[in-house]
Protein backbone atom coordinates (compact mmCIF):
# COMPACT_ATOMS: atom_id res chain seq x y z
CA MET A 1 0.00 0.00 0.00
CA ALA A 2 1.43 3.37 -1.03
CA GLN A 3 2.10 5.87 1.72
CA GLU A 4 0.76 9.36 1.35
CA GLN A 5 3.61 11.84 1.13
CA ARG A 6 3.31 14.64 3.68
CA VAL A 7 4.26 18.07 2.46
CA ASN A 8 4.32 21.19 4.61
CA TYR A 9 2.50 24.09 3.00
CA GLU A 10 2.29 27.72 3.99
CA ALA A 11 -0.56 27.98 6.48
CA PRO A 12 -2.97 30.87 5.95
CA LYS A 13 -2.73 33.78 8.36
CA VAL A 14 -5.46 36.31 9.00
CA GLY A 15 -4.65 39.63 7.35
CA THR A 16 -2.35 38.18 4.67
CA VAL A 17 -2.53 36.53 1.26
CA THR A 18 -1.41 32.90 1.11
CA HIS A 19 0.35 32.01 -2.13
CA ILE A 20 -0.87 28.66 -3.41
CA GLN A 21 1.85 26.30 -4.56
CA ASN A 22 -0.22 23.52 -6.18
CA GLN A 23 -3.61 21.80 -6.25
CA ALA A 24 -2.95 19.81 -3.06
CA HIS A 25 -2.14 23.04 -1.18
CA LEU A 26 -5.40 24.68 -2.27
CA GLN A 27 -7.46 21.58 -1.45
CA LYS A 28 -5.94 21.44 2.04
CA ILE A 29 -6.93 25.07 2.70
CA ILE A 30 -10.44 24.57 1.32
CA LYS A 31 -10.95 21.61 3.67
CA GLU A 32 -9.62 23.45 6.73
CA TYR A 33 -11.31 26.87 6.42
CA PRO A 34 -15.01 27.69 5.95
CA GLY A 35 -14.32 30.80 3.85
CA VAL A 36 -11.66 30.90 1.16
CA VAL A 37 -11.30 33.83 -1.26
CA VAL A 38 -9.01 33.04 -4.20
CA ASP A 39 -7.44 35.41 -6.71
CA PHE A 40 -6.28 33.68 -9.89
CA TRP A 41 -3.81 36.05 -11.51
CA SER A 42 -1.12 36.36 -14.16
CA ALA A 43 1.73 38.85 -14.32
CA ASN A 44 1.00 39.15 -18.05
CA SER A 45 -2.48 40.55 -17.44
CA GLN A 46 -2.79 44.28 -16.85
CA GLY A 47 -6.21 43.77 -15.26
CA CYS A 48 -4.79 41.25 -12.81
CA MET A 49 -1.94 43.54 -11.88
CA ARG A 50 -4.35 46.46 -11.30
CA PHE A 51 -6.57 44.26 -9.09
CA LYS A 52 -3.69 42.75 -7.07
CA PRO A 53 -3.21 45.70 -4.62
CA ILE A 54 -6.98 45.87 -4.06
CA PHE A 55 -7.08 42.15 -3.22
CA GLU A 56 -4.05 42.45 -0.93
CA GLY A 57 -5.56 45.47 0.83
CA THR A 58 -8.82 43.62 1.39
CA ALA A 59 -6.89 40.64 2.81
CA GLN A 60 -4.93 42.93 5.14
CA GLY A 61 -8.16 44.45 6.41
CA ASN A 62 -9.69 41.05 7.14
CA GLN A 63 -9.89 40.19 10.83
CA ASN A 64 -12.23 37.20 10.51
CA LYS A 65 -10.25 34.05 11.37
CA ASN A 66 -12.74 31.94 9.38
CA ILE A 67 -11.94 33.71 6.10
CA VAL A 68 -8.59 33.36 4.37
CA PHE A 69 -7.31 34.98 1.20
CA CYS A 70 -5.24 33.02 -1.32
CA ALA A 71 -3.57 33.87 -4.60
CA VAL A 72 -2.77 31.54 -7.48
CA ASP A 73 -0.12 32.60 -9.97
CA CYS A 74 -1.60 30.95 -13.07
CA ASP A 75 1.74 31.05 -14.87
CA ASN A 76 3.50 29.01 -12.18
CA ALA A 77 0.76 26.89 -10.59
CA ARG A 78 -0.65 25.42 -13.79
CA ASP A 79 -2.27 22.44 -12.06
CA VAL A 80 -4.45 24.83 -10.06
CA ALA A 81 -5.31 27.21 -12.88
């Protein structure tokens, strides 16, 4: 029987944006937190880059421990995008 490989991922913190590394990382967060807000972005998109500081500011203003903010760089985390 194959053993499940344990990988340590960045844990979400209230008031910050957690950068998603891969699909398993995002799934772990979705299972552990009742509210997950995700920004899928690309550095090649002007719209994404204009929205990024707004998203980060909203995350910084969040004080609800049940809501976490995550960002997926679609150019680097292709399995999530």
